[in-house]
Protein backbone atom coordinates (compact mmCIF):
# COMPACT_ATOMS: atom_id res chain seq x y z
CA UNK A 1 0.00 0.00 0.00
CA UNK A 2 1.42 3.36 -1.03
CA UNK A 3 1.17 6.64 0.91
CA UNK A 4 1.70 10.19 -0.33
CA UNK A 5 3.39 13.39 0.75
CA UNK A 6 2.56 16.81 -0.68
CA UNK A 7 5.11 19.50 -1.55
CA UNK A 8 4.02 22.82 -3.08
CA UNK A 9 1.01 21.27 -4.73
CA UNK A 10 2.84 18.19 -6.00
CA UNK A 11 1.84 14.76 -4.72
CA UNK A 12 4.74 12.32 -4.31
CA UNK A 13 4.03 8.62 -3.87
CA UNK A 14 5.99 6.69 -1.30
CA UNK A 15 6.24 3.04 -0.32
CA UNK A 16 5.67 1.87 3.28
CA UNK A 17 8.67 3.04 5.33
CA UNK A 18 8.84 6.33 3.48
CA UNK A 19 10.84 5.31 0.39
CA UNK A 20 9.83 6.71 -3.02
CA UNK A 21 7.47 4.50 -5.01
CA UNK A 22 8.63 2.68 -8.12
CA UNK A 23 12.24 1.99 -7.10
CA UNK A 24 13.83 -1.13 -8.55
CA UNK A 25 13.96 -4.04 -6.09
CA UNK A 26 17.77 -3.99 -6.04
CA UNK A 27 17.79 -0.33 -5.02
CA UNK A 28 15.36 -0.92 -2.17
CA UNK A 29 17.30 -4.00 -1.06
CA UNK A 30 20.65 -2.15 -0.98
CA UNK A 31 19.12 0.81 0.91
CA UNK A 32 17.86 -1.62 3.55
CA UNK A 33 21.32 -3.21 3.74
CA UNK A 34 22.91 0.22 4.27
CA UNK A 35 20.54 1.11 7.10
CA UNK A 36 20.54 -2.27 8.80
CA UNK A 37 24.15 -3.42 8.38
CA UNK A 38 26.59 -1.06 6.68
CA UNK A 39 25.70 2.17 8.48
CA UNK A 40 26.03 0.72 12.02
CA UNK A 41 29.39 -0.81 11.02
CA UNK A 42 30.61 2.54 9.64
CA UNK A 43 29.55 4.26 12.87
CA UNK A 44 31.62 1.88 14.95
CA UNK A 45 34.60 2.06 12.60
CA UNK A 46 34.64 5.89 12.74
CA UNK A 47 33.98 6.07 16.48
CA UNK A 48 30.68 7.89 15.98
CA UNK A 49 27.14 7.53 17.34
CA UNK A 50 25.29 8.97 14.34
CA UNK A 51 22.71 6.19 14.12
CA UNK A 52 21.76 6.65 17.79
CA UNK A 53 21.44 10.42 17.27
CA UNK A 54 19.30 9.84 14.18
CA UNK A 55 16.86 7.68 16.13
CA UNK A 56 16.67 10.32 18.88
CA UNK A 57 16.07 13.15 16.38
CA UNK A 58 13.29 11.22 14.66
CA UNK A 59 11.43 11.29 17.99
CA UNK A 60 12.45 14.66 19.41
CA UNK A 61 11.28 16.72 16.41
CA UNK A 62 7.71 15.91 17.53
CA UNK A 63 8.27 16.99 21.14
CA UNK A 64 6.47 20.08 22.40
CA UNK A 65 8.30 23.41 22.31
CA UNK A 66 8.39 23.43 26.13
CA UNK A 67 10.04 20.00 26.30
CA UNK A 68 12.68 21.07 23.76
CA UNK A 69 13.41 24.20 25.81
CA UNK A 70 13.98 22.04 28.90
CA UNK A 71 16.50 19.98 26.92
CA UNK A 72 18.24 23.13 25.70
CA UNK A 73 18.46 24.58 29.22
CA UNK A 74 19.97 21.35 30.57
CA UNK A 75 22.54 21.14 27.78
CA UNK A 76 23.39 24.84 28.06
CA UNK A 77 24.04 24.59 31.80
CA UNK A 78 26.36 21.62 31.20
CA UNK A 79 28.18 23.43 28.36
CA UNK A 80 28.67 26.65 30.33
CA UNK A 81 29.94 24.76 33.37
CA UNK A 82 32.41 22.89 31.19
CA UNK A 83 33.53 26.11 29.45
CA UNK A 84 33.98 27.89 32.80
CA UNK A 85 36.13 25.11 34.21
CA UNK A 86 38.17 24.10 31.16
CA UNK A 87 38.17 26.72 28.35
CA UNK A 88 40.52 29.70 28.84
CA UNK A 89 38.49 32.31 26.93
CA UNK A 90 35.16 31.61 28.60
CA UNK A 91 36.67 31.19 32.09
CA UNK A 92 38.42 34.57 31.77
CA UNK A 93 35.36 36.38 30.37
CA UNK A 94 32.89 34.87 32.84
CA UNK A 95 35.07 35.79 35.79
CA UNK A 96 35.43 39.33 34.47
CA UNK A 97 31.63 39.59 34.26
CA UNK A 98 31.00 37.98 37.65
CA UNK A 99 29.17 35.03 36.02
CA UNK A 100 28.97 31.53 37.46
CA UNK A 101 27.62 28.38 35.76
CA UNK A 102 24.75 28.17 38.26
CA UNK A 103 23.47 31.52 36.94
CA UNK A 104 22.49 29.84 33.65
CA UNK A 105 19.03 28.54 34.47
CA UNK A 106 17.67 29.31 30.98
CA UNK A 107 18.90 30.29 27.49
CA UNK A 108 17.89 33.89 28.26
CA UNK A 109 21.07 34.16 30.36
CA UNK A 110 23.17 33.91 27.21
CA UNK A 111 22.81 37.66 26.67
CA UNK A 112 25.27 38.17 29.55
CA UNK A 113 28.00 36.24 27.73
CA UNK A 114 30.43 37.93 25.31
CA UNK A 115 29.95 37.70 21.57
CA UNK A 116 32.48 35.57 19.70
CA UNK A 117 33.54 36.60 16.19
CA UNK A 118 35.33 34.74 13.45
CA UNK A 119 38.31 37.11 13.81
CA UNK A 120 38.69 36.10 17.48
CA UNK A 121 38.67 32.40 16.60
CA UNK A 122 41.25 32.91 13.85
CA UNK A 123 43.49 35.03 16.08
CA UNK A 124 43.84 32.40 18.82
CA UNK A 125 42.02 29.09 18.28
CA UNK A 126 43.75 27.60 21.35
CA UNK A 127 42.01 30.16 23.57
CA UNK A 128 38.74 28.32 22.77
CA UNK A 129 40.16 24.81 23.13
CA UNK A 130 39.14 22.83 26.20
CA UNK A 131 41.96 21.71 28.45
CA UNK A 132 42.90 18.13 27.62
CA UNK A 133 41.76 18.40 23.98
CA UNK A 134 44.11 18.71 21.00
CA UNK A 135 43.21 20.60 17.83
CA UNK A 136 44.86 17.95 15.65
CA UNK A 137 42.54 15.27 17.08
CA UNK A 138 39.35 17.19 16.24
CA UNK A 139 37.29 17.21 13.04
CA UNK A 140 38.36 20.25 11.03
CA UNK A 141 36.35 22.40 8.62
CA UNK A 142 37.52 25.48 6.77
CA UNK A 143 35.44 28.28 5.29
CA UNK A 144 35.67 31.52 3.40
CA UNK A 145 32.36 32.38 5.03
CA UNK A 146 29.73 35.06 4.55
CA UNK A 147 32.06 37.68 6.01
CA UNK A 148 34.78 36.83 3.44
CA UNK A 149 37.20 35.90 6.23
CA UNK A 150 39.01 32.56 5.80
CA UNK A 151 38.89 30.53 9.01
CA UNK A 152 39.20 27.01 10.39
CA UNK A 153 36.65 25.51 12.79
CA UNK A 154 36.92 22.42 14.95
CA UNK A 155 34.43 19.95 16.39
CA UNK A 156 34.53 16.90 18.62
CA UNK A 157 33.45 13.40 17.57
CA UNK A 158 30.29 13.91 19.63
CA UNK A 159 29.44 17.08 17.72
CA UNK A 160 30.35 15.38 14.45
CA UNK A 161 27.76 12.69 15.22
CA UNK A 162 25.11 15.39 15.73
CA UNK A 163 26.29 17.12 12.54
CA UNK A 164 25.61 14.10 10.34
CA UNK A 165 22.44 13.03 12.15
CA UNK A 166 20.96 16.50 11.67
CA UNK A 167 21.85 16.49 7.99
CA UNK A 168 19.94 13.26 7.43
CA UNK A 169 16.95 14.47 9.44
CA UNK A 170 16.77 17.62 7.32
CA UNK A 171 16.99 15.57 4.14
CA UNK A 172 14.39 13.19 5.56
CA UNK A 173 11.88 16.05 5.60
CA UNK A 174 12.14 15.93 1.80
CA UNK A 175 11.63 12.16 1.68
CA UNK A 176 15.27 11.00 1.52
CA UNK A 177 16.15 7.76 3.29
CA UNK A 178 19.69 6.65 4.03
CA UNK A 179 21.03 4.32 1.36
CA UNK A 180 19.03 5.75 -1.55
CA UNK A 181 21.16 7.00 -4.46
CA UNK A 182 21.58 10.76 -4.87
CA UNK A 183 23.65 13.27 -6.80
CA UNK A 184 25.70 15.90 -4.98
CA UNK A 185 27.18 18.94 -6.73
CA UNK A 186 30.40 19.95 -5.02
CA UNK A 187 32.41 23.05 -5.76
CA UNK A 188 35.77 21.25 -5.50
CA UNK A 189 36.84 17.61 -5.27
CA UNK A 190 36.65 15.72 -1.96
CA UNK A 191 40.28 14.68 -1.48
CA UNK A 192 39.92 12.34 1.49
CA UNK A 193 40.05 8.65 0.52
CA UNK A 194 37.77 7.83 3.47
CA UNK A 195 35.15 10.28 2.22
CA UNK A 196 35.34 8.93 -1.32
CA UNK A 197 34.85 5.36 -0.07
CA UNK A 198 31.99 6.52 2.15
CA UNK A 199 30.34 8.25 -0.82
CA UNK A 200 30.57 5.08 -2.91
CA UNK A 201 29.09 2.90 -0.17
CA UNK A 202 26.24 5.34 0.51
CA UNK A 203 25.49 5.68 -3.23
CA UNK A 204 26.43 9.34 -3.41
CA UNK A 205 27.40 10.32 -6.97
CA UNK A 206 29.61 13.42 -6.80
CA UNK A 207 30.20 16.01 -9.49
CA UNK A 208 32.77 18.79 -9.24
CA UNK A 209 31.64 21.83 -11.14
CA UNK A 210 34.65 24.10 -10.83
CA UNK A 211 37.62 21.84 -11.49
CA UNK A 212 37.27 21.61 -15.25
CA UNK A 213 37.28 24.31 -17.92
CA UNK A 214 34.70 22.29 -19.92
CA UNK A 215 31.84 22.76 -17.50
CA UNK A 216 29.24 21.69 -20.07
CA UNK A 217 30.77 18.21 -20.15
CA UNK A 218 30.33 17.88 -16.38
CA UNK A 219 26.73 19.06 -16.62
CA UNK A 220 25.99 16.59 -19.43
CA UNK A 221 27.35 13.70 -17.34
CA UNK A 222 25.25 14.87 -14.42
CA UNK A 223 22.06 14.82 -16.46
CA UNK A 224 22.96 11.37 -17.72
CA UNK A 225 23.14 10.08 -14.12
CA UNK A 226 19.93 11.92 -13.20
CA UNK A 227 18.14 10.14 -16.05
CA UNK A 228 18.33 6.92 -13.99
CA UNK A 229 14.77 6.50 -12.65
CA UNK A 230 16.11 5.41 -9.24
CA UNK A 231 18.04 8.68 -8.70
CA UNK A 232 15.42 10.85 -7.01
CA UNK A 233 17.50 13.37 -5.01
CA UNK A 234 19.86 16.19 -5.99
CA UNK A 235 21.84 18.18 -3.41
CA UNK A 236 24.11 21.18 -3.69
CA UNK A 237 24.63 24.88 -3.33
CA UNK A 238 21.75 26.96 -4.68
CA UNK A 239 23.90 28.68 -7.30
CA UNK A 240 25.43 25.45 -8.63
CA UNK A 241 21.98 23.88 -8.90
CA UNK A 242 20.90 26.98 -10.82
CA UNK A 243 23.80 26.43 -13.26
CA UNK A 244 22.50 22.90 -13.93
CA UNK A 245 18.96 24.19 -14.42
CA UNK A 246 20.17 26.79 -16.92
CA UNK A 247 22.09 24.12 -18.83
CA UNK A 248 19.07 21.82 -19.07
CA UNK A 249 16.78 24.72 -20.03
CA UNK A 250 19.04 25.55 -22.99
CA UNK A 251 18.93 22.02 -24.46
CA UNK A 252 16.66 21.49 -27.45
CA UNK A 253 15.81 17.98 -26.23
CA UNK A 254 16.62 17.72 -22.52
CA UNK A 255 16.84 14.16 -21.19
CA UNK A 256 14.07 13.07 -18.82
CA UNK A 257 14.89 13.16 -15.10
CA UNK A 258 12.96 11.67 -12.20
CA UNK A 259 13.81 13.85 -9.21
CA UNK A 260 11.61 13.77 -6.12
CA UNK A 261 13.43 16.55 -4.29
CA UNK A 262 16.17 19.14 -4.77
CA UNK A 263 18.07 19.89 -1.55
CA UNK A 264 19.63 23.35 -1.59
CA UNK A 265 21.93 25.15 0.82
CA UNK A 266 24.92 27.49 0.89
CA UNK A 267 23.36 30.72 -0.36
CA UNK A 268 20.06 32.55 -0.25
CA UNK A 269 17.30 30.82 -2.23
CA UNK A 270 15.19 33.58 -3.73
CA UNK A 271 11.62 32.92 -4.83
CA UNK A 272 12.70 33.66 -8.39
CA UNK A 273 15.53 31.09 -8.21
CA UNK A 274 13.20 28.52 -6.65
CA UNK A 275 10.62 28.93 -9.41
CA UNK A 276 13.26 28.75 -12.16
CA UNK A 277 14.98 25.64 -10.77
CA UNK A 278 11.74 23.80 -10.03
CA UNK A 279 10.48 24.51 -13.54
CA UNK A 280 13.60 23.37 -15.40
CA UNK A 281 14.57 20.45 -13.15
CA UNK A 282 10.95 19.35 -12.69
CA UNK A 283 11.04 18.81 -8.92
CA UNK A 284 10.27 20.70 -5.70
CA UNK A 285 13.07 22.29 -3.68
CA UNK A 286 13.75 21.93 0.05
CA UNK A 287 16.01 24.68 1.36
CA UNK A 288 18.39 24.33 4.30
CA UNK A 289 20.26 27.00 6.24
CA UNK A 290 23.62 26.06 7.64
CA UNK A 291 27.13 27.28 8.30
CA UNK A 292 29.21 24.89 6.24
CA UNK A 293 32.68 25.74 7.47
CA UNK A 294 31.46 26.14 11.02
CA UNK A 295 29.98 22.64 10.78
CA UNK A 296 26.49 23.69 11.89
CA UNK A 297 23.26 22.50 10.26
CA UNK A 298 20.99 25.23 11.62
CA UNK A 299 17.51 25.01 10.08
CA UNK A 300 15.51 23.40 7.28
CA UNK A 301 12.19 23.55 5.48
CA UNK A 302 9.73 20.74 6.15
CA UNK A 303 7.07 19.45 3.74
CA UNK A 304 4.78 22.40 4.61
CA UNK A 305 7.46 24.98 3.65
CA UNK A 306 6.26 27.75 5.90
CA UNK A 307 9.56 28.66 7.49
CA UNK A 308 12.75 26.93 8.60
CA UNK A 309 12.76 24.47 11.53
CA UNK A 310 15.69 25.18 13.86
CA UNK A 311 17.64 22.14 15.06
CA UNK A 312 17.02 23.03 18.68
CA UNK A 313 18.31 19.75 20.14
CA UNK A 314 21.89 20.71 19.19
CA UNK A 315 21.93 24.51 19.22
CA UNK A 316 20.40 27.77 20.34
CA UNK A 317 20.04 30.66 17.96
CA UNK A 318 19.40 34.14 19.30
CA UNK A 319 18.22 37.28 17.54
CA UNK A 320 20.69 40.14 17.98
CA UNK A 321 17.65 42.33 18.65
CA UNK A 322 15.08 40.37 20.70
CA UNK A 323 12.43 42.99 20.00
CA UNK A 324 12.44 41.99 16.33
CA UNK A 325 10.72 38.63 16.98
CA UNK A 326 7.36 38.48 15.15
CA UNK A 327 8.02 41.88 13.58
CA UNK A 328 8.96 40.81 10.00
CA UNK A 329 12.24 42.65 10.53
CA UNK A 330 15.47 40.72 9.94
CA UNK A 331 18.13 40.71 12.63
CA UNK A 332 21.56 39.11 12.97
CA UNK A 333 21.84 35.51 14.16
CA UNK A 334 23.98 34.51 17.16
CA UNK A 335 24.70 30.77 17.41
CA UNK A 336 25.47 28.56 20.42
CA UNK A 337 26.36 24.93 19.67
CA UNK A 338 25.38 22.75 22.63
CA UNK A 339 27.37 19.55 22.11
CA UNK A 340 30.85 20.68 21.01
CA UNK A 341 32.60 20.67 24.38
CA UNK A 342 36.09 20.31 22.90
CA UNK A 343 35.98 23.69 21.10
CA UNK A 344 32.83 25.48 22.30
CA UNK A 345 31.04 28.10 20.23
CA UNK A 346 28.90 30.25 22.52
CA UNK A 347 27.17 33.30 21.05
CA UNK A 348 29.02 33.09 17.75
CA UNK A 349 28.29 36.00 15.39
CA UNK A 350 27.26 34.26 12.15
CA UNK A 351 27.15 37.34 9.91
CA UNK A 352 23.76 36.20 8.61
CA UNK A 353 20.35 37.69 9.24
CA UNK A 354 16.92 36.10 9.62
CA UNK A 355 13.34 36.94 10.54
CA UNK A 356 12.50 35.27 13.87
CA UNK A 357 9.00 34.10 14.75
CA UNK A 358 7.32 32.55 17.78
CA UNK A 359 4.60 30.79 15.77
CA UNK A 360 4.35 27.02 15.34
CA UNK A 361 4.38 25.10 12.07
CA UNK A 362 1.21 23.32 10.87
CA UNK A 363 3.29 20.16 10.34
CA UNK A 364 3.11 19.50 14.09
CA UNK A 365 6.83 19.57 14.87
CA UNK A 366 7.73 21.42 18.06
CA UNK A 367 11.00 22.75 16.65
CA UNK A 368 11.19 26.57 16.69
CA UNK A 369 10.95 28.42 13.39
CA UNK A 370 12.73 31.08 11.41
CA UNK A 371 10.28 32.88 9.14
CA UNK A 372 12.91 33.44 6.46
CA UNK A 373 16.67 33.76 5.96
CA UNK A 374 18.01 37.10 4.71
CA UNK A 375 21.70 36.21 4.36
CA UNK A 376 24.22 35.14 1.76
CA UNK A 377 23.01 36.35 -1.59
CA UNK A 378 25.43 34.78 -4.07
CA UNK A 379 26.22 36.12 -7.50
CA UNK A 380 27.70 34.19 -10.40
CA UNK A 381 30.72 35.12 -12.52
CA UNK A 382 30.27 34.02 -16.15
CA UNK A 383 33.58 33.43 -17.92
CA UNK A 384 34.30 33.66 -21.66
CA UNK A 385 34.70 29.87 -21.96
CA UNK A 386 31.18 29.32 -20.61
CA UNK A 387 32.20 28.34 -17.08
CA UNK A 388 30.20 29.89 -14.23
CA UNK A 389 31.86 30.50 -10.87
CA UNK A 390 29.93 31.21 -7.68
CA UNK A 391 30.90 32.50 -4.26
CA UNK A 392 31.83 29.06 -2.99
CA UNK A 393 34.53 28.54 -5.61
CA UNK A 394 36.58 31.30 -4.02
CA UNK A 395 35.57 30.30 -0.49
CA UNK A 396 36.98 26.83 -1.09
CA UNK A 397 40.31 27.83 -2.65
CA UNK A 398 40.90 30.52 0.01
CA UNK A 399 39.44 28.72 3.02
CA UNK A 400 42.73 27.55 4.54
CA UNK A 401 44.80 30.57 3.49
CA UNK A 402 45.20 32.15 6.92
CA UNK A 403 47.50 34.90 5.62
CA UNK A 404 44.37 36.64 4.27
CA UNK A 405 42.11 38.58 6.62
CA UNK A 406 39.37 39.48 4.10
CA UNK A 407 38.87 39.50 0.36
CA UNK A 408 36.50 40.64 -2.37
CA UNK A 409 36.20 39.35 -5.94
CA UNK A 410 34.92 41.58 -8.74
CA UNK A 411 34.54 40.78 -12.42
CA UNK A 412 35.31 44.13 -14.07
CA UNK A 413 35.18 42.75 -17.64
CA UNK A 414 34.26 39.39 -19.11
CA UNK A 415 37.96 38.42 -19.17
CA UNK A 416 39.16 40.24 -16.03
CA UNK A 417 38.71 39.35 -12.36
CA UNK A 418 39.99 41.70 -9.66
CA UNK A 419 40.81 40.14 -6.28
CA UNK A 420 41.06 42.69 -3.46
CA UNK A 421 42.89 41.38 -0.40
CA UNK A 422 43.30 42.59 3.17
CA UNK A 423 46.47 40.81 4.25
CA UNK A 424 47.06 39.52 7.76
CA UNK A 425 50.62 38.45 6.89
CA UNK A 426 52.48 39.16 3.66
CA UNK A 427 55.37 36.69 3.82
CA UNK A 428 53.74 34.31 1.30
CA UNK A 429 51.78 36.95 -0.61
CA UNK A 430 53.51 36.53 -3.96
CA UNK A 431 53.32 32.74 -3.88
CA UNK A 432 49.62 32.89 -2.98
CA UNK A 433 48.91 35.31 -5.83
CA UNK A 434 50.55 32.92 -8.30
CA UNK A 435 48.61 29.95 -6.86
CA UNK A 436 45.24 31.73 -7.10
CA UNK A 437 45.93 33.06 -10.60
CA UNK A 438 46.94 29.59 -11.75
CA UNK A 439 43.72 27.99 -10.45
CA UNK A 440 41.52 30.61 -12.13
CA UNK A 441 43.53 30.29 -15.34
CA UNK A 442 42.96 26.53 -15.32
CA UNK A 443 39.20 26.68 -14.79
CA UNK A 444 38.83 29.50 -17.37
CA UNK A 445 41.06 27.72 -19.95
CA UNK A 446 43.27 30.79 -20.07
CA UNK A 447 40.46 33.18 -21.03
CA UNK A 448 40.59 35.23 -17.81
CA UNK A 449 43.39 37.19 -16.16
CA UNK A 450 43.42 37.92 -12.44
CA UNK A 451 44.47 41.33 -11.12
CA UNK A 452 45.32 41.78 -7.45
CA UNK A 453 44.73 44.85 -5.31
CA UNK A 454 46.07 45.11 -1.75
CA UNK A 455 43.63 47.16 0.33
CA UNK A 456 43.33 48.24 3.96
CA UNK A 457 39.67 47.21 4.29
CA UNK A 458 36.66 45.90 2.37
CA UNK A 459 33.80 48.43 2.63
CA UNK A 460 30.51 47.22 4.06
CA UNK A 461 27.07 47.59 2.54
CA UNK A 462 24.54 49.89 4.30
CA UNK A 463 23.16 46.73 5.95
CA UNK A 464 26.53 46.18 7.62
CA UNK A 465 27.33 43.06 5.58
CA UNK A 466 30.18 42.56 3.11
CA UNK A 467 29.60 41.91 -0.56
CA UNK A 468 32.46 39.65 -1.45
CA UNK A 469 31.65 38.65 -5.01
CA UNK A 470 30.56 41.25 -7.58
CA UNK A 471 29.40 40.11 -11.02
CA UNK A 472 29.13 42.18 -14.16
CA UNK A 473 25.93 44.27 -14.10
CA UNK A 474 24.26 42.11 -16.75
CA UNK A 475 24.96 38.98 -14.65
CA UNK A 476 24.30 40.43 -11.20
CA UNK A 477 20.71 39.19 -10.88
CA UNK A 478 20.88 35.47 -10.13
CA UNK A 479 17.16 35.11 -9.46
């Protein structure tokens, strides 16, 4: 007996257990093998408890708001006590403010803690490291980030388990089940052998959009894989998914695809982009808000798509201006991660803005909501050889370059890209310029030259945010 789920007016048939209808028997059999055998073995091999967290999250999303707030308060008290006793930065700041762990009876007490910025974390990551922990033993992520500041972030194995469990819950809201095949559009190649083996076992087919100058060939191969009737899910950054939609729209005879859901993240999904992508890739979109480099899956749309459910079991997000809640006015987001005791993030300034609401979602989940996300509008640079580069291309190649404090990329002509850099250290400046120019030359097949400008600062927009990629005027509207 089949059931159905509804997304933006589209009815999607599913088999018992939530899997899409019409899958080949072999696909269903392998998905069951992944969930029942392979995934638990991988958890044990990697020293993770992802499967246990996934089972918990399946239940807790239906808890009442009050019960979730009790969980948050308990976790926050434990985190603050740990930070006070074992983390130099928080111990020093709490003592200076006369704060004790027992003061933290509710998340409202967070407003008495200092704000933590990306610049502070870059300046002295050891100041945020718990005594007894070692940075080299933690899971590491790097980001160029929405404030165009390269930085490295660290998380414990416990937080890494929450990280992956939350990802699969968010995808589950769109109908995905672990073990089903899907296509993922990455900006750059995943180098880790372990990750490549994991992708193969979990039936993740990766495509790397910005490593080849013949981008059309990559897009053609992607559509060929998506023509498999068992491939029902596509994931990637909003702007890279848009590139695929534009490619398919331009074909005289586009191949059929059978997507059930498109899972987007990484940049603001405008209504115009959503409508364009859904029309040309023939599937509904589910948008997710996260901080990729920071390793935080923050919020996601459910099947109702009336806001973003915050992953409250693992984090607290605060509005910078509490009076903006329910006002339709966007305010900056401060993030506290509740389970990363090795390298705590408490009141981290994300650089993104959102509209906060106190209402509940008709879907019945007790998770708090964000009305909408107002951060990270990404533009696309269109090169003479047909390649399209988005914000994340530069974020990836500059993510671990800690000699750079901030940067801005502007395409001043079709064949010219200007990279403005605020240097933190200049010892390797010339070598880094050559490295960056070489990578852009490769992806553009020699059709673009890179000019460098050393500047004292990157000016902010009136909103207070940085604009760190500027397309040509005719390309500036990505919606």
